[in-house]
Protein backbone atom coordinates (compact mmCIF):
# COMPACT_ATOMS: atom_id res chain seq x y z
CA MET A 1 102.66 161.33 91.12
CA ARG A 2 101.44 159.01 93.83
CA GLN A 3 101.83 155.44 92.63
CA ALA A 4 100.11 153.71 95.53
CA ILE A 5 98.51 154.54 98.86
CA ARG A 6 97.91 151.86 101.48
CA ARG A 7 96.73 152.16 105.07
CA SER A 8 97.57 150.25 108.24
CA ALA A 9 95.34 150.49 111.31
CA ILE A 10 97.31 150.45 114.55
CA ARG A 11 95.67 149.08 117.73
CA ARG A 12 97.15 148.81 121.19
CA SER A 13 96.72 145.36 122.80
CA ASP A 14 98.70 142.71 124.73
CA SER A 15 100.31 141.11 121.66
CA ARG A 16 103.65 142.05 120.08
CA ARG A 17 104.95 141.48 116.56
CA SER A 18 108.33 142.14 115.10
CA ARG A 19 109.99 141.69 111.77
CA ARG A 20 113.53 142.09 110.63
CA PRO A 21 114.45 143.10 107.12
CA GLY A 22 116.19 140.38 105.16
CA ARG A 23 119.84 140.70 104.30
CA PRO A 24 120.58 141.02 100.57
CA ASP A 25 122.56 138.28 98.92
CA ARG A 26 125.96 139.80 98.30
CA GLY A 27 127.24 136.95 96.21
CA ARG A 28 128.34 137.81 92.68
CA ARG A 29 128.42 135.58 89.66
CA TRP A 30 130.96 136.39 86.94
CA ALA A 31 129.78 135.62 83.42
CA ALA A 32 131.62 135.43 80.12
CA ALA A 33 131.31 138.48 77.89
CA LEU A 34 132.42 137.15 74.51
CA GLY A 35 132.24 139.64 71.68
CA VAL A 36 130.19 142.38 73.37
CA GLY A 37 130.86 146.11 73.62
CA ALA A 38 130.73 146.20 77.41
CA LEU A 39 132.53 148.74 79.57
CA VAL A 40 134.36 148.52 82.87
CA VAL A 41 135.35 151.39 85.13
CA THR A 42 139.04 151.84 85.80
CA GLY A 43 140.37 152.92 89.15
CA GLY A 44 141.38 156.46 89.94
CA GLY A 45 141.97 158.62 92.96
CA LEU A 46 139.53 161.33 93.95
CA LEU A 47 140.96 164.75 93.19
CA ALA A 48 140.48 168.20 94.61
CA GLY A 49 137.22 170.13 94.77
CA PRO A 50 135.78 172.61 92.24
CA ALA A 51 138.26 174.51 90.11
CA GLU A 52 137.97 178.23 89.65
CA ALA A 53 136.54 179.27 86.26
CA SER A 54 136.55 182.67 84.65
CA ALA A 55 133.67 184.25 82.76
CA THR A 56 135.24 183.48 79.41
CA ALA A 57 137.40 180.36 79.81
CA SER A 58 136.50 176.79 80.64
CA VAL A 59 138.65 174.33 82.59
CA ALA A 60 138.83 170.55 82.65
CA VAL A 61 137.68 169.10 85.99
CA ASP A 62 137.93 165.70 87.66
CA PHE A 63 135.10 164.15 89.65
CA PRO A 64 134.31 160.74 91.20
CA THR A 65 131.99 158.63 89.07
CA HIS A 66 129.93 155.49 89.74
CA CYS A 67 129.43 153.35 86.62
CA ILE A 68 127.32 150.24 86.11
CA PRO A 69 128.73 148.01 83.33
CA PRO A 70 126.29 145.86 81.31
CA ALA A 71 125.10 142.86 83.29
CA ILE A 72 126.35 140.47 80.61
CA ALA A 73 129.92 141.52 81.40
CA GLY A 74 129.62 139.98 84.86
CA ILE A 75 131.41 142.99 86.36
CA PRO A 76 130.10 144.71 89.52
CA PRO A 77 129.73 148.50 89.68
CA ILE A 78 133.09 150.20 90.17
CA ASP A 79 133.93 153.71 91.26
CA GLY A 80 136.45 155.71 89.22
CA THR A 81 137.34 159.23 88.15
CA THR A 82 136.09 161.09 85.08
CA SER A 83 137.97 164.04 83.53
CA ALA A 84 135.67 166.37 81.59
CA GLU A 85 135.21 169.90 80.29
CA VAL A 86 132.14 171.99 79.49
CA THR A 87 132.37 174.78 76.90
CA VAL A 88 129.85 177.20 75.34
CA ASP A 89 129.58 179.05 72.06
CA ASN A 90 128.77 182.34 73.81
CA ALA A 91 130.27 183.23 77.22
CA ALA A 92 128.47 186.61 77.38
CA PRO A 93 124.89 185.97 76.24
CA LYS A 94 121.85 188.16 76.70
CA VAL A 95 118.64 187.05 78.33
CA GLY A 96 116.64 185.25 75.65
CA ASP A 97 119.70 183.97 73.77
CA THR A 98 120.16 180.28 73.05
CA VAL A 99 123.53 178.95 74.23
CA THR A 100 125.06 175.81 72.74
CA VAL A 101 126.80 173.67 75.35
CA THR A 102 129.50 171.08 74.58
CA TYR A 103 130.29 168.44 77.21
CA THR A 104 133.60 166.71 76.44
CA VAL A 105 134.60 163.65 78.43
CA VAL A 106 138.37 163.98 78.16
CA LYS A 107 139.06 160.70 79.93
CA PRO A 108 136.13 158.35 80.62
CA ALA A 109 136.15 156.31 83.80
CA ALA A 110 135.76 153.22 81.61
CA SER A 111 137.63 150.78 79.40
CA ASN A 112 136.95 147.72 77.25
CA PRO A 113 136.71 144.77 79.69
CA VAL A 114 137.13 142.01 77.10
CA ASP A 115 139.95 140.89 74.83
CA LEU A 116 137.81 141.41 71.72
CA ALA A 117 138.64 144.64 69.87
CA LEU A 118 135.71 146.97 69.21
CA PRO A 119 135.37 148.58 65.76
CA ALA A 120 135.03 152.26 64.96
CA ASP A 121 131.77 154.19 65.20
CA ILE A 122 129.81 151.94 67.57
CA MET A 123 129.66 154.30 70.60
CA THR A 124 126.81 156.80 71.12
CA PRO A 125 127.27 159.02 74.20
CA THR A 126 124.53 161.00 75.96
CA GLY A 127 124.52 162.99 79.18
CA LYS A 128 123.48 166.00 81.25
CA VAL A 129 125.05 169.35 82.10
CA THR A 130 124.06 171.04 85.38
CA VAL A 131 123.30 174.77 85.11
CA ALA A 132 123.25 176.84 88.32
CA GLY A 133 123.63 180.40 89.53
CA ALA A 134 121.38 183.04 88.01
CA GLN A 135 119.22 180.26 86.59
CA THR A 136 118.89 176.58 87.37
CA THR A 137 118.25 173.88 84.81
CA GLU A 138 119.67 170.67 83.36
CA VAL A 139 120.80 170.51 79.74
CA THR A 140 120.43 167.25 77.84
CA VAL A 141 123.43 166.59 75.59
CA ALA A 142 124.11 163.89 72.99
CA GLY A 143 127.00 162.97 70.76
CA PRO A 144 127.33 161.37 67.35
CA LYS A 145 127.92 157.67 66.81
CA LYS A 146 131.62 158.14 66.23
CA ASN A 147 134.73 156.68 67.82
CA ASP A 148 138.12 155.26 66.91
CA PRO A 149 138.60 151.48 67.17
CA VAL A 150 139.17 150.27 70.73
CA PRO A 151 141.63 147.42 71.29
CA GLY A 152 140.84 144.56 73.63
CA LYS A 153 141.15 145.72 77.24
CA GLY A 154 142.02 149.17 75.85
CA GLU A 155 140.94 152.56 77.18
CA PHE A 156 137.95 154.26 75.62
CA PRO A 157 138.65 157.46 73.69
CA SER A 158 137.49 160.95 74.50
CA PHE A 159 134.04 161.95 73.21
CA SER A 160 131.89 165.10 73.03
CA MET A 161 128.17 165.77 73.41
CA THR A 162 126.20 168.94 72.64
CA GLY A 163 122.91 170.53 73.67
CA THR A 164 121.30 173.95 74.10
CA PHE A 165 119.53 176.07 76.71
CA THR A 166 117.85 179.47 76.70
CA VAL A 167 119.13 182.16 79.05
CA THR A 168 116.26 183.33 81.27
CA ALA A 169 117.99 185.55 83.87
CA PRO A 170 120.94 187.97 83.98
CA GLY A 171 123.96 187.27 86.15
CA GLU A 172 126.63 184.63 86.66
CA ILE A 173 125.69 181.18 85.34
CA THR A 174 127.82 178.13 86.11
CA LEU A 175 127.97 174.88 84.15
CA SER A 176 129.15 171.54 85.56
CA PRO A 177 129.45 168.12 83.91
CA GLY A 178 126.76 165.66 84.99
CA ASP A 179 125.79 162.04 84.53
CA TYR A 180 126.57 160.40 81.21
CA ASN A 181 125.86 157.13 79.42
CA ILE A 182 127.88 155.24 76.81
CA HIS A 183 125.74 153.18 74.45
CA THR A 184 127.49 150.58 72.31
CA SER A 185 126.00 148.99 69.17
CA TYR A 186 128.13 145.96 68.38
CA ILE A 187 126.53 142.51 68.15
CA MET A 188 124.04 143.73 70.77
CA GLU A 189 122.85 147.05 72.19
CA LEU A 190 124.43 147.78 75.60
CA ASP A 191 124.49 150.73 78.00
CA THR A 192 126.92 151.80 80.69
CA PRO A 193 125.39 154.63 82.78
CA CYS A 194 127.85 156.68 84.84
CA THR A 195 126.61 158.99 87.60
CA VAL A 196 128.36 161.76 89.52
CA THR A 197 129.06 160.26 92.94
CA ASP A 198 128.71 163.52 94.89
CA PRO A 199 126.73 165.93 92.70
CA PRO A 200 127.16 168.53 91.50
CA ALA A 201 130.55 168.02 89.89
CA PRO A 202 133.02 170.94 89.99
CA VAL A 203 132.22 173.98 87.84
CA SER A 204 133.92 173.80 84.45
CA GLN A 205 132.55 176.94 82.75
CA THR A 206 131.18 180.22 84.07
CA ILE A 207 129.34 182.70 81.83
CA ILE A 208 127.95 186.16 82.51
CA ALA A 209 124.47 186.91 81.11
CA THR A 210 123.14 190.43 80.64
CA ASP A 211 119.58 191.68 80.43
CA GLY A 212 118.47 191.57 76.79
CA GLY A 213 115.63 194.00 77.37
CA GLY A 214 113.14 191.98 75.34
CA GLU A 215 110.43 189.46 76.12
CA VAL A 216 111.83 186.16 77.42
CA ASN A 217 110.48 182.85 76.22
CA GLU A 218 110.22 180.87 79.44
CA ARG A 219 108.99 177.65 77.80
CA THR A 220 111.20 174.71 78.73
CA ILE A 221 111.29 170.96 78.16
CA THR A 222 113.24 168.16 79.82
CA LEU A 223 113.66 164.60 78.62
CA GLY A 224 113.43 161.43 80.68
CA THR A 225 116.30 160.00 78.63
CA SER A 226 118.59 161.33 75.94
CA SER A 227 118.63 158.21 73.73
CA GLY A 228 116.48 155.26 72.70
CA ALA A 229 116.06 152.56 70.10
CA PRO A 230 113.82 153.21 67.06
CA GLY A 231 110.15 153.11 68.10
CA GLU A 232 110.78 153.71 71.79
CA ARG A 233 108.82 156.40 73.59
CA VAL A 234 110.60 159.23 75.37
CA THR A 235 109.05 161.09 78.31
CA VAL A 236 109.00 164.85 77.57
CA THR A 237 108.05 167.21 80.42
CA GLY A 238 107.24 170.83 79.60
CA ALA A 239 106.69 174.00 81.64
CA GLY A 240 105.94 177.66 80.96
CA PHE A 241 103.60 177.06 78.01
CA THR A 242 100.29 178.87 77.54
CA PRO A 243 97.68 177.23 79.81
CA GLY A 244 95.32 175.03 77.79
CA ALA A 245 97.20 175.59 74.52
CA ASP A 246 97.65 172.86 71.91
CA VAL A 247 101.29 171.77 72.20
CA THR A 248 103.16 169.57 69.72
CA VAL A 249 106.18 167.55 70.77
CA ALA A 250 108.22 166.33 67.81
CA GLY A 251 111.55 164.92 66.74
CA TRP A 252 114.16 167.32 65.34
CA ASN A 253 116.63 166.39 62.62
CA GLY A 254 118.92 169.40 62.97
CA THR A 255 117.01 171.72 60.63
CA ALA A 256 113.31 170.83 60.88
CA ILE A 257 110.80 168.69 62.76
CA THR A 258 110.20 165.08 61.74
CA ALA A 259 107.02 163.06 61.41
CA ASP A 260 107.56 161.67 64.91
CA SER A 261 105.16 163.98 66.76
CA ILE A 262 102.32 164.06 69.24
CA THR A 263 99.88 166.93 69.97
CA SER A 264 97.81 167.50 73.09
CA LYS A 265 96.86 170.31 75.45
CA ALA A 266 98.95 171.89 78.18
CA ALA A 267 97.48 171.87 81.66
CA ASP A 268 96.07 174.96 83.36
CA SER A 269 99.52 175.44 84.89
CA GLY A 270 101.16 175.50 81.45
CA ALA A 271 102.87 172.16 82.12
CA PHE A 272 102.57 168.84 80.30
CA THR A 273 104.05 165.37 80.08
CA PHE A 274 103.92 163.68 76.64
CA ARG A 275 105.49 160.42 75.47
CA PRO A 276 106.08 160.57 71.70
CA GLU A 277 107.36 157.54 69.82
CA ILE A 278 110.63 158.37 68.03
CA THR A 279 111.53 156.23 65.02
CA ASP A 280 113.56 158.44 62.63
CA PRO A 281 117.27 157.50 62.93
CA ALA A 282 118.18 161.02 61.72
CA THR A 283 116.76 162.52 64.92
CA THR A 284 119.19 164.77 66.80
CA GLY A 285 116.79 166.34 69.29
CA ILE A 286 113.26 166.91 70.60
CA VAL A 287 111.27 170.17 70.40
CA ALA A 288 107.91 171.37 71.70
CA PHE A 289 105.88 174.26 70.35
CA GLU A 290 102.51 175.96 70.29
CA GLY A 291 100.68 176.52 67.00
CA ALA A 292 100.68 174.80 63.63
CA GLY A 293 104.45 174.71 63.10
CA TRP A 294 107.82 175.11 64.77
CA ASP A 295 108.37 178.64 66.05
CA PRO A 296 111.29 179.25 68.44
CA ALA A 297 109.38 182.18 69.97
CA LYS A 298 106.56 179.84 71.03
CA GLY A 299 108.56 176.70 71.59
CA ALA A 300 111.30 175.03 73.58
CA GLY A 301 114.29 172.99 72.53
CA PRO A 302 115.78 171.31 70.79
CA GLN A 303 116.89 169.08 73.63
CA ALA A 304 119.47 166.59 72.38
CA TYR A 305 118.19 163.08 71.66
CA THR A 306 119.80 160.21 69.75
CA VAL A 307 118.15 157.19 68.15
CA THR A 308 120.44 154.29 68.95
CA THR A 309 120.63 151.67 66.23
CA GLY A 310 122.93 148.86 65.33
CA GLY A 311 125.30 149.28 62.44
CA GLY A 312 128.57 147.84 63.66
CA GLU A 313 129.94 145.13 61.41
CA ILE A 314 128.88 141.65 62.51
CA PRO A 315 131.81 139.20 62.50
CA ASP A 316 131.69 136.22 60.14
CA GLY A 317 129.82 133.30 61.64
CA SER A 318 127.88 135.53 64.05
CA GLN A 319 124.20 136.49 64.25
CA GLN A 320 122.84 139.68 65.74
CA LEU A 321 120.04 139.02 68.24
CA THR A 322 117.63 141.72 69.39
CA SER A 323 115.40 141.64 72.45
CA THR A 324 113.13 144.28 73.98
CA VAL A 325 112.71 144.97 77.70
CA ASN A 326 109.44 146.75 78.43
CA PRO A 327 109.35 149.20 81.38
CA GLY A 328 107.07 148.39 84.30
CA THR A 329 105.60 150.41 87.17
CA LEU A 330 106.36 151.56 90.71
CA THR A 331 104.24 149.57 93.20
CA MET A 332 104.13 148.55 96.82
CA SER A 333 102.45 145.85 98.86
CA GLN A 334 102.30 145.16 102.59
CA ALA A 335 102.20 141.98 104.66
CA GLY A 336 99.06 143.05 106.52
CA ASP A 337 96.83 146.01 107.28
CA SER A 338 96.82 146.06 111.09
CA VAL A 339 99.37 146.20 113.90
CA ALA A 340 98.66 145.35 117.54
CA LEU A 341 100.89 147.38 119.86
CA SER A 342 101.78 146.12 123.34
CA ALA A 343 99.61 147.14 126.29
CA VAL A 344 100.66 149.56 129.05
CA ASP A 345 99.23 149.96 132.56
CA PHE A 346 97.00 152.79 133.71
CA GLY A 347 98.97 155.08 135.99
CA GLN A 348 102.23 153.84 134.53
CA GLY A 349 101.94 154.62 130.83
CA GLY A 350 105.09 154.43 128.74
CA ALA A 351 106.02 152.88 125.40
CA SER A 352 103.38 150.81 123.62
CA THR A 353 105.49 149.02 121.00
CA GLY A 354 105.16 146.88 117.89
CA ALA A 355 106.43 146.40 114.37
CA LEU A 356 105.14 147.79 111.09
CA GLN A 357 103.83 145.18 108.69
CA THR A 358 106.63 144.65 106.15
CA VAL A 359 106.24 146.78 103.01
CA THR A 360 107.65 145.54 99.68
CA VAL A 361 108.45 148.18 97.05
CA GLN A 362 109.00 147.14 93.42
CA ASP A 363 110.48 149.78 91.11
CA PHE A 364 110.32 148.25 87.65
CA ARG A 365 110.16 151.53 85.67
CA GLY A 366 113.76 151.33 84.44
CA GLY A 367 114.15 155.10 84.25
CA PRO A 368 116.20 157.80 86.03
CA ALA A 369 113.77 158.55 88.89
CA GLY A 370 114.11 157.30 92.44
CA TRP A 371 111.21 156.96 94.89
CA SER A 372 110.18 158.05 98.36
CA LEU A 373 107.93 156.21 100.85
CA THR A 374 106.44 158.47 103.51
CA GLY A 375 103.95 157.98 106.33
CA LYS A 376 101.69 160.07 108.51
CA VAL A 377 99.34 159.07 111.33
CA THR A 378 96.08 160.33 112.80
CA ASP A 379 95.41 160.92 116.49
CA PHE A 380 94.64 157.73 118.40
CA THR A 381 91.02 157.71 119.56
CA GLY A 382 89.80 155.75 122.58
CA PRO A 383 86.80 155.41 124.92
CA SER A 384 84.47 158.38 125.48
CA GLY A 385 86.40 160.56 123.05
CA ALA A 386 89.75 160.20 124.82
CA THR A 387 92.76 160.67 122.50
CA ILE A 388 96.51 160.16 122.27
CA GLY A 389 98.05 162.73 119.93
CA ALA A 390 99.61 161.71 116.61
CA SER A 391 102.91 163.22 117.75
CA ALA A 392 103.20 160.43 120.36
CA LEU A 393 103.97 157.84 117.65
CA GLY A 394 107.59 157.36 116.68
CA TRP A 395 109.39 154.84 114.50
CA SER A 396 112.81 153.42 113.75
CA PRO A 397 112.86 152.57 109.99
CA ALA A 398 114.91 149.88 108.22
CA CYS A 399 115.21 149.12 104.51
CA ALA A 400 116.84 146.23 102.64
CA THR A 401 117.69 146.06 98.92
CA LYS A 402 117.29 142.83 96.96
CA SER A 403 120.54 141.61 95.43
CA GLY A 404 121.03 142.79 91.86
CA SER A 405 118.89 145.93 92.18
CA PRO A 406 120.37 148.99 90.41
CA SER A 407 119.29 151.32 93.25
CA THR A 408 120.12 151.12 96.95
CA CYS A 409 117.41 151.77 99.50
CA ALA A 410 118.05 154.23 102.35
CA ALA A 411 116.00 154.07 105.57
CA GLY A 412 114.41 157.23 106.90
CA SER A 413 115.46 158.84 110.17
CA GLU A 414 114.40 157.56 113.55
CA GLY A 415 111.92 159.93 115.17
CA THR A 416 108.35 161.18 115.35
CA VAL A 417 105.84 160.25 112.64
CA GLY A 418 103.02 162.62 113.58
CA SER A 419 100.27 164.08 111.42
CA ALA A 420 102.78 166.04 109.30
CA GLY A 421 104.48 162.81 108.29
CA ALA A 422 108.04 161.55 107.91
CA THR A 423 110.10 159.57 105.41
CA LEU A 424 110.13 155.81 105.91
CA ALA A 425 112.56 154.93 103.07
CA SER A 426 113.77 156.22 99.69
CA THR A 427 116.12 155.71 96.74
CA PRO A 428 117.92 158.53 94.87
CA ASP A 429 117.55 159.63 91.26
CA GLY A 430 120.21 158.32 88.89
CA ALA A 431 121.04 157.51 85.30
CA PHE A 432 119.54 154.03 85.80
CA THR A 433 117.34 153.12 88.76
CA GLY A 434 115.06 150.33 89.93
CA GLY A 435 114.91 147.16 91.97
CA GLU A 436 113.02 145.43 94.76
CA PHE A 437 113.11 146.52 98.40
CA THR A 438 111.67 145.52 101.78
CA VAL A 439 110.87 148.21 104.33
CA ASP A 440 110.23 147.71 108.06
CA ALA A 441 110.00 149.87 111.16
CA GLN A 442 109.84 149.42 114.91
CA LEU A 443 106.91 151.46 116.29
CA SER A 444 106.55 153.08 119.70
CA LEU A 445 103.53 155.01 121.02
CA ASP A 446 104.32 157.17 124.07
CA VAL A 447 101.22 156.73 126.26
CA PRO A 448 100.77 159.28 129.11
CA ALA A 449 100.63 157.71 132.60
CA PHE A 450 96.98 158.42 133.39
CA THR A 451 95.44 157.92 129.97
CA ALA A 452 91.90 156.54 130.27
CA ALA A 453 91.79 152.73 130.14
CA GLY A 454 90.61 151.12 126.89
CA ALA A 455 91.65 150.47 123.29
CA TYR A 456 93.05 153.31 121.17
CA THR A 457 93.17 153.22 117.37
CA GLY A 458 94.97 155.42 114.85
CA VAL A 459 95.47 155.12 111.09
CA LEU A 460 98.94 155.21 109.53
CA THR A 461 98.88 156.17 105.85
CA LEU A 462 101.85 155.21 103.65
CA THR A 463 102.39 157.05 100.37
CA LEU A 464 104.79 155.98 97.60
CA THR A 465 105.88 158.62 95.11
C-alpha cells in the first residue's frame, strides 16, 4: 500500500544545492536490568551450509542469527548461532492434507543477561517456518508458556513451537527454520526477536507430496505477528477465498472458534486484510472461513497465535507495572519541493547537477514489514516543445539511519532514474522493524550539446511503500 506520495519539481538554473546525510550517533548507553526477563545473544561461529535431508527424516541445522535484546537490558544487538530442527507429523502427505509442523530450537542463540534467576513457565516462543519447493509459504508456529527455571546468567533451555499448513501441490517440499521471538512474562512483558541473518536457513526437513486427486482448498491466511497481549489486534491477510464472500476471522482455542471474531467481505480478488481483537487467553490460533460456522473445506488455518499474559510470580516487595505502546504509521516528509540544477552552455552541454531535497522517512508501525522508497521522473520540457528525455536523469543515493532505530536503511544503486523508476532507499523485512531515516541523492541531468537554450522542467515523483 502506498503510504505517501510527494513530488519535487526539478529546474535547471545557475544555482547549486547540496546536502549530506547526517551520521548516526553510534554511542551506546548501558542501563541496569534489575529483575527483568531479558535475553542476550551468546557468541558462536558460523557453521556449514544446508545439510542434506531425506524425504522421511529431519536433521538439526545451525544458522547465523541476529537478535535484539530488550532495550531495558542496555545490550546492543549481537550475532550468534541458533541450532534448530523442523519435523512434521506426515512426511508423505497428499495434496489437500494438513501437515503439522514442529519447530524445535535445540540451542537458542540467547542467555539470561542478568544475575537474577528466572522462574519456570515465563517464556512464550513464537516463530516462522519457511516452506519451499513444490509450494511456497510461511508457517506461523507458537509454543506453550513452559520452561524450566533459568539461573542468573544461565543458558536458555530448548523449546518447541507448532503450526500447520495445507499441501497444495505434489512434489518435493522443503522446510527450513525461520525467525523466532522469545517473549518473557516476569515483572514486565519483554520480547527478544531473532532473525535469520542470511535467509533462508538450511533445510531441516524434506517431504514428498503426492496428488490426492480431489479438490484442493487453496484458501490461505498469514498473520502479521504470532503473539500479542490480551486485547491487541492482529493483522490477518487472506487469499484464495470466494470473491465478495462474507469471511469471518476468529480466534481458535484448539477445538473450536472463540468469541474473538470479525466478519467482512473478501475483495473481488478473493483477498482480504482484517484486524480482529484477540482477548481470550486460551487462544492457540487464528482461523478464517466462509459461511456461518467453521468449516475446514471453506476455511484456512489455524495459524498458531498465542495470547501473552503475565503470570510469573512477583517477588516480595515488588510491583508489576504495565504500559502500552501503540503502533504508528509509515510517513515521509521532504525539506522542499523544488531543486535548481546547475546551468550548462549551449554547444557544450554536459552534466547539469544538484542535490535532492532531503527526505525524512519515519517508520513507527512496529511490525515486521520493511519499506521501499522509489522515484521516477518525467521528460524535461523546455521552450517551443523541446525536451530532454527522462532517461538523461541519474542519481547517486545516500541513506542514514537515526541511532537506536531497529532497522538499517540501505541506499539504492547509483544509476538512471528514468520514467520506469528506480529505488532510492529501503529497509528489509524482519521480526521487528522501524526507525527514522534521512535520504539524500546527488542528481545529474545529461544535457545534449546543442539542446535549445532555455529552462527545462521535469517532475520527480517519490513513492513510499
